[in-house]
Amino acid sequence: MSHPAEAPRPVRPSHAEDRNDVGSLAGRVSLALIVLAVGAVAIWQSGEDRRALRAMPPEERSAAFRKEWASLLEGCTDPPPALREHCVAEARFVELFPECGADCRERTRRLTAARLGTR
């Protein structure tokens, strides 16, 4: 006696595949949280640097600004590729000083824009 052909059963993902979907979602969420945390720390540190500069006695802060500004102008006006990262970091630091006026901001903006290729 022959048995009637059984209808094919629908293929369901295994429990392992379900766990992989959940795991990859959890991994993406974890990565996003890590990126946000690192960004928050960077922003906090930038604010911390700014607060520290503002807390300095004005004469000391002004002298430090003049020294950093002169160094930036001397070594970073047209930096070679090997110094660009250093010059961008120095420009960003100089921008934190309240003494960094319009000319200072324009020059530091150009330096950081050149680093990003957006002259």
C-alpha atoms as a PDB file:
ATOM      1  CA  MET A   1       0.000   0.000   0.000  1.00  0.00           C
ATOM      2  CA  SER A   2       1.371   3.390  -0.886  1.00  0.00           C
ATOM      3  CA  HIS A   3       1.238   6.351   1.382  1.00  0.00           C
ATOM      4  CA  PRO A   4      -0.066   9.623   0.087  1.00  0.00           C
ATOM      5  CA  ALA A   5       2.644  12.191  -0.450  1.00  0.00           C
ATOM      6  CA  GLU A   6       3.032  14.417   2.520  1.00  0.00           C
ATOM      7  CA  ALA A   7       2.789  18.143   1.961  1.00  0.00           C
ATOM      8  CA  PRO A   8       6.118  19.878   2.511  1.00  0.00           C
ATOM      9  CA  ARG A   9       6.413  21.446   5.902  1.00  0.00           C
ATOM     10  CA  PRO A  10       7.174  25.164   6.027  1.00  0.00           C
ATOM     11  CA  VAL A  11      10.768  25.911   6.859  1.00  0.00           C
ATOM     12  CA  ARG A  12      11.085  27.803  10.118  1.00  0.00           C
ATOM     13  CA  PRO A  13      14.254  29.449  11.292  1.00  0.00           C
ATOM     14  CA  SER A  14      15.982  27.519  13.976  1.00  0.00           C
ATOM     15  CA  HIS A  15      16.262  28.861  17.479  1.00  0.00           C
ATOM     16  CA  ALA A  16      19.934  29.508  16.790  1.00  0.00           C
ATOM     17  CA  GLU A  17      19.020  31.832  13.906  1.00  0.00           C
ATOM     18  CA  ASP A  18      16.533  33.657  16.163  1.00  0.00           C
ATOM     19  CA  ARG A  19      19.283  34.122  18.721  1.00  0.00           C
ATOM     20  CA  ASN A  20      21.656  35.424  16.022  1.00  0.00           C
ATOM     21  CA  ASP A  21      19.102  38.061  15.012  1.00  0.00           C
ATOM     22  CA  VAL A  22      18.694  39.128  18.619  1.00  0.00           C
ATOM     23  CA  GLY A  23      22.468  38.999  19.141  1.00  0.00           C
ATOM     24  CA  SER A  24      23.193  41.153  16.114  1.00  0.00           C
ATOM     25  CA  LEU A  25      20.578  43.683  17.238  1.00  0.00           C
ATOM     26  CA  ALA A  26      22.078  43.715  20.727  1.00  0.00           C
ATOM     27  CA  GLY A  27      25.537  44.120  19.172  1.00  0.00           C
ATOM     28  CA  ARG A  28      24.406  47.082  17.078  1.00  0.00           C
ATOM     29  CA  VAL A  29      22.712  48.689  20.065  1.00  0.00           C
ATOM     30  CA  SER A  30      25.830  48.122  22.190  1.00  0.00           C
ATOM     31  CA  LEU A  31      28.048  49.640  19.510  1.00  0.00           C
ATOM     32  CA  ALA A  32      25.773  52.668  19.207  1.00  0.00           C
ATOM     33  CA  LEU A  33      25.843  53.157  22.983  1.00  0.00           C
ATOM     34  CA  ILE A  34      29.641  52.924  23.038  1.00  0.00           C
ATOM     35  CA  VAL A  35      29.929  55.502  20.241  1.00  0.00           C
ATOM     36  CA  LEU A  36      27.555  57.837  22.088  1.00  0.00           C
ATOM     37  CA  ALA A  37      29.484  57.405  25.341  1.00  0.00           C
ATOM     38  CA  VAL A  38      32.821  58.170  23.667  1.00  0.00           C
ATOM     39  CA  GLY A  39      31.289  61.252  22.030  1.00  0.00           C
ATOM     40  CA  ALA A  40      29.864  62.431  25.348  1.00  0.00           C
ATOM     41  CA  VAL A  41      33.253  62.026  27.043  1.00  0.00           C
ATOM     42  CA  ALA A  42      34.968  63.984  24.242  1.00  0.00           C
ATOM     43  CA  ILE A  43      32.426  66.793  24.553  1.00  0.00           C
ATOM     44  CA  TRP A  44      32.775  66.804  28.335  1.00  0.00           C
ATOM     45  CA  GLN A  45      36.570  66.960  28.121  1.00  0.00           C
ATOM     46  CA  SER A  46      36.394  69.843  25.667  1.00  0.00           C
ATOM     47  CA  GLY A  47      34.120  71.676  28.070  1.00  0.00           C
ATOM     48  CA  GLU A  48      36.460  70.783  30.923  1.00  0.00           C
ATOM     49  CA  ASP A  49      39.425  72.289  29.049  1.00  0.00           C
ATOM     50  CA  ARG A  50      37.423  75.435  28.359  1.00  0.00           C
ATOM     51  CA  ARG A  51      36.391  75.708  32.026  1.00  0.00           C
ATOM     52  CA  ALA A  52      39.998  75.223  33.141  1.00  0.00           C
ATOM     53  CA  LEU A  53      41.180  77.994  30.806  1.00  0.00           C
ATOM     54  CA  ARG A  54      38.478  80.368  32.008  1.00  0.00           C
ATOM     55  CA  ALA A  55      39.407  79.612  35.625  1.00  0.00           C
ATOM     56  CA  MET A  56      43.033  80.686  35.040  1.00  0.00           C
ATOM     57  CA  PRO A  57      44.050  84.148  36.182  1.00  0.00           C
ATOM     58  CA  PRO A  58      43.583  86.449  33.151  1.00  0.00           C
ATOM     59  CA  GLU A  59      47.280  87.401  32.935  1.00  0.00           C
ATOM     60  CA  GLU A  60      48.403  83.755  32.899  1.00  0.00           C
ATOM     61  CA  ARG A  61      45.719  82.760  30.424  1.00  0.00           C
ATOM     62  CA  SER A  62      46.611  85.660  28.134  1.00  0.00           C
ATOM     63  CA  ALA A  63      50.303  84.734  28.242  1.00  0.00           C
ATOM     64  CA  ALA A  64      49.463  81.084  27.511  1.00  0.00           C
ATOM     65  CA  PHE A  65      47.242  82.162  24.615  1.00  0.00           C
ATOM     66  CA  ARG A  66      49.987  84.347  23.107  1.00  0.00           C
ATOM     67  CA  LYS A  67      52.472  81.460  23.358  1.00  0.00           C
ATOM     68  CA  GLU A  68      50.079  78.932  21.788  1.00  0.00           C
ATOM     69  CA  TRP A  69      48.947  81.406  19.094  1.00  0.00           C
ATOM     70  CA  ALA A  70      52.576  82.219  18.150  1.00  0.00           C
ATOM     71  CA  SER A  71      53.386  78.510  17.998  1.00  0.00           C
ATOM     72  CA  LEU A  72      50.370  77.882  15.769  1.00  0.00           C
ATOM     73  CA  LEU A  73      51.305  80.725  13.408  1.00  0.00           C
ATOM     74  CA  GLU A  74      54.971  79.683  13.284  1.00  0.00           C
ATOM     75  CA  GLY A  75      54.593  75.961  12.748  1.00  0.00           C
ATOM     76  CA  CYS A  76      51.148  75.501  11.278  1.00  0.00           C
ATOM     77  CA  THR A  77      50.558  78.210   8.688  1.00  0.00           C
ATOM     78  CA  ASP A  78      51.138  75.720   5.863  1.00  0.00           C
ATOM     79  CA  PRO A  79      51.977  72.466   7.651  1.00  0.00           C
ATOM     80  CA  PRO A  80      53.457  69.470   5.878  1.00  0.00           C
ATOM     81  CA  PRO A  81      51.243  66.363   5.883  1.00  0.00           C
ATOM     82  CA  ALA A  82      53.173  64.841   8.787  1.00  0.00           C
ATOM     83  CA  LEU A  83      52.227  67.768  11.064  1.00  0.00           C
ATOM     84  CA  ARG A  84      48.618  68.338  10.002  1.00  0.00           C
ATOM     85  CA  GLU A  85      47.049  66.263  12.788  1.00  0.00           C
ATOM     86  CA  HIS A  86      49.162  68.069  15.378  1.00  0.00           C
ATOM     87  CA  CYS A  87      48.282  71.462  13.901  1.00  0.00           C
ATOM     88  CA  VAL A  88      44.557  70.709  13.853  1.00  0.00           C
ATOM     89  CA  ALA A  89      44.704  69.661  17.513  1.00  0.00           C
ATOM     90  CA  GLU A  90      46.666  72.811  18.360  1.00  0.00           C
ATOM     91  CA  ALA A  91      44.174  74.978  16.440  1.00  0.00           C
ATOM     92  CA  ARG A  92      41.261  73.418  18.303  1.00  0.00           C
ATOM     93  CA  PHE A  93      43.015  74.074  21.602  1.00  0.00           C
ATOM     94  CA  VAL A  94      43.731  77.719  20.710  1.00  0.00           C
ATOM     95  CA  GLU A  95      40.042  78.189  19.825  1.00  0.00           C
ATOM     96  CA  LEU A  96      39.132  77.364  23.437  1.00  0.00           C
ATOM     97  CA  PHE A  97      40.805  80.538  24.736  1.00  0.00           C
ATOM     98  CA  PRO A  98      38.443  83.473  25.235  1.00  0.00           C
ATOM     99  CA  GLU A  99      41.256  85.613  23.753  1.00  0.00           C
ATOM    100  CA  CYS A 100      40.813  83.871  20.375  1.00  0.00           C
ATOM    101  CA  GLY A 101      39.098  86.660  18.441  1.00  0.00           C
ATOM    102  CA  ALA A 102      37.806  86.931  14.865  1.00  0.00           C
ATOM    103  CA  ASP A 103      41.224  86.665  13.161  1.00  0.00           C
ATOM    104  CA  CYS A 104      42.172  83.728  15.373  1.00  0.00           C
ATOM    105  CA  ARG A 105      38.902  81.905  14.660  1.00  0.00           C
ATOM    106  CA  GLU A 106      39.182  82.503  10.918  1.00  0.00           C
ATOM    107  CA  ARG A 107      42.738  81.129  10.794  1.00  0.00           C
ATOM    108  CA  THR A 108      41.937  78.110  12.963  1.00  0.00           C
ATOM    109  CA  ARG A 109      38.813  77.443  10.877  1.00  0.00           C
ATOM    110  CA  ARG A 110      40.896  77.474   7.691  1.00  0.00           C
ATOM    111  CA  LEU A 111      43.456  75.152   9.232  1.00  0.00           C
ATOM    112  CA  THR A 112      40.856  72.613  10.363  1.00  0.00           C
ATOM    113  CA  ALA A 113      38.953  72.918   7.055  1.00  0.00           C
ATOM    114  CA  ALA A 114      42.182  72.261   5.122  1.00  0.00           C
ATOM    115  CA  ARG A 115      42.708  69.127   7.224  1.00  0.00           C
ATOM    116  CA  LEU A 116      39.224  67.943   6.317  1.00  0.00           C
ATOM    117  CA  GLY A 117      39.743  68.816   2.659  1.00  0.00           C
ATOM    118  CA  THR A 118      36.964  71.456   2.648  1.00  0.00           C
ATOM    119  CA  ARG A 119      38.941  74.623   1.985  1.00  0.00           C
END
